[in-house]
Amino acid sequence: VILNFSKIGKYITFGIEPLVGFITAKENDLKNIRIILSGKLNNLSPDKIKERVRDTYV
């Protein structure tokens, strides 16, 4: 829900939407980094890691 709100907020110049979108995108980036690093530490195949990575803001 928040990601959809953030995607809509990309097209709004003023207001809280761009800020919420930026914060959500950074949180999502951190989650993706954690997923990738834990997958590498546990010797998962790149395909399995790609399945677990979340959608990005862009």
Protein backbone atom coordinates (compact mmCIF):
# COMPACT_ATOMS: atom_id res chain seq x y z
CA VAL A 1 0.00 0.00 0.00
CA ILE A 2 2.76 2.44 0.95
CA LEU A 3 4.75 1.55 -2.17
CA ASN A 4 1.74 2.33 -4.37
CA PHE A 5 1.28 5.64 -2.54
CA SER A 6 4.96 6.36 -3.11
CA LYS A 7 4.76 5.58 -6.82
CA ILE A 8 1.89 8.04 -7.19
CA GLY A 9 3.87 10.58 -5.16
CA LYS A 10 6.66 10.56 -7.75
CA TYR A 11 4.57 12.81 -9.94
CA ILE A 12 3.64 15.32 -7.23
CA THR A 13 6.08 18.19 -6.75
CA PHE A 14 4.94 19.63 -3.43
CA GLY A 15 3.54 17.99 -0.34
CA ILE A 16 4.36 15.03 1.83
CA GLU A 17 4.17 12.45 -0.97
CA PRO A 18 7.72 12.98 -2.32
CA LEU A 19 9.18 12.73 1.18
CA VAL A 20 7.24 9.55 1.97
CA GLY A 21 8.32 8.14 -1.39
CA PHE A 22 11.97 8.90 -0.73
CA ILE A 23 11.93 7.37 2.75
CA THR A 24 10.06 4.30 1.52
CA ALA A 25 12.52 3.85 -1.34
CA LYS A 26 15.52 4.04 1.00
CA GLU A 27 13.95 1.53 3.42
CA ASN A 28 13.27 -0.78 0.49
CA ASP A 29 16.87 -0.40 -0.71
CA LEU A 30 18.15 -1.40 2.73
CA LYS A 31 15.87 -4.44 2.79
CA ASN A 32 17.13 -5.47 -0.64
CA ILE A 33 20.74 -5.13 0.49
CA ARG A 34 20.00 -7.32 3.52
CA ILE A 35 18.32 -9.92 1.31
CA ILE A 36 21.27 -10.00 -1.10
CA LEU A 37 23.91 -10.18 1.63
CA SER A 38 22.11 -12.89 3.59
CA GLY A 39 21.62 -14.85 0.37
CA LYS A 40 25.32 -14.63 -0.41
CA LEU A 41 26.26 -15.62 3.14
CA ASN A 42 23.98 -18.66 2.90
CA ASN A 43 25.31 -19.63 -0.55
CA LEU A 44 21.98 -19.20 -2.34
CA SER A 45 21.98 -19.18 -6.11
CA PRO A 46 21.61 -15.80 -7.82
CA ASP A 47 18.21 -16.89 -9.17
CA LYS A 48 16.89 -17.57 -5.66
CA ILE A 49 18.19 -14.21 -4.47
CA LYS A 50 16.50 -12.43 -7.40
CA GLU A 51 13.19 -14.08 -6.48
CA ARG A 52 13.39 -12.63 -2.97
CA VAL A 53 14.43 -9.08 -3.87
CA ARG A 54 11.58 -6.57 -3.57
CA ASP A 55 10.27 -4.14 -6.17
CA THR A 56 12.10 -0.85 -6.42
CA TYR A 57 10.72 2.67 -6.34
CA VAL A 58 11.85 3.63 -9.83
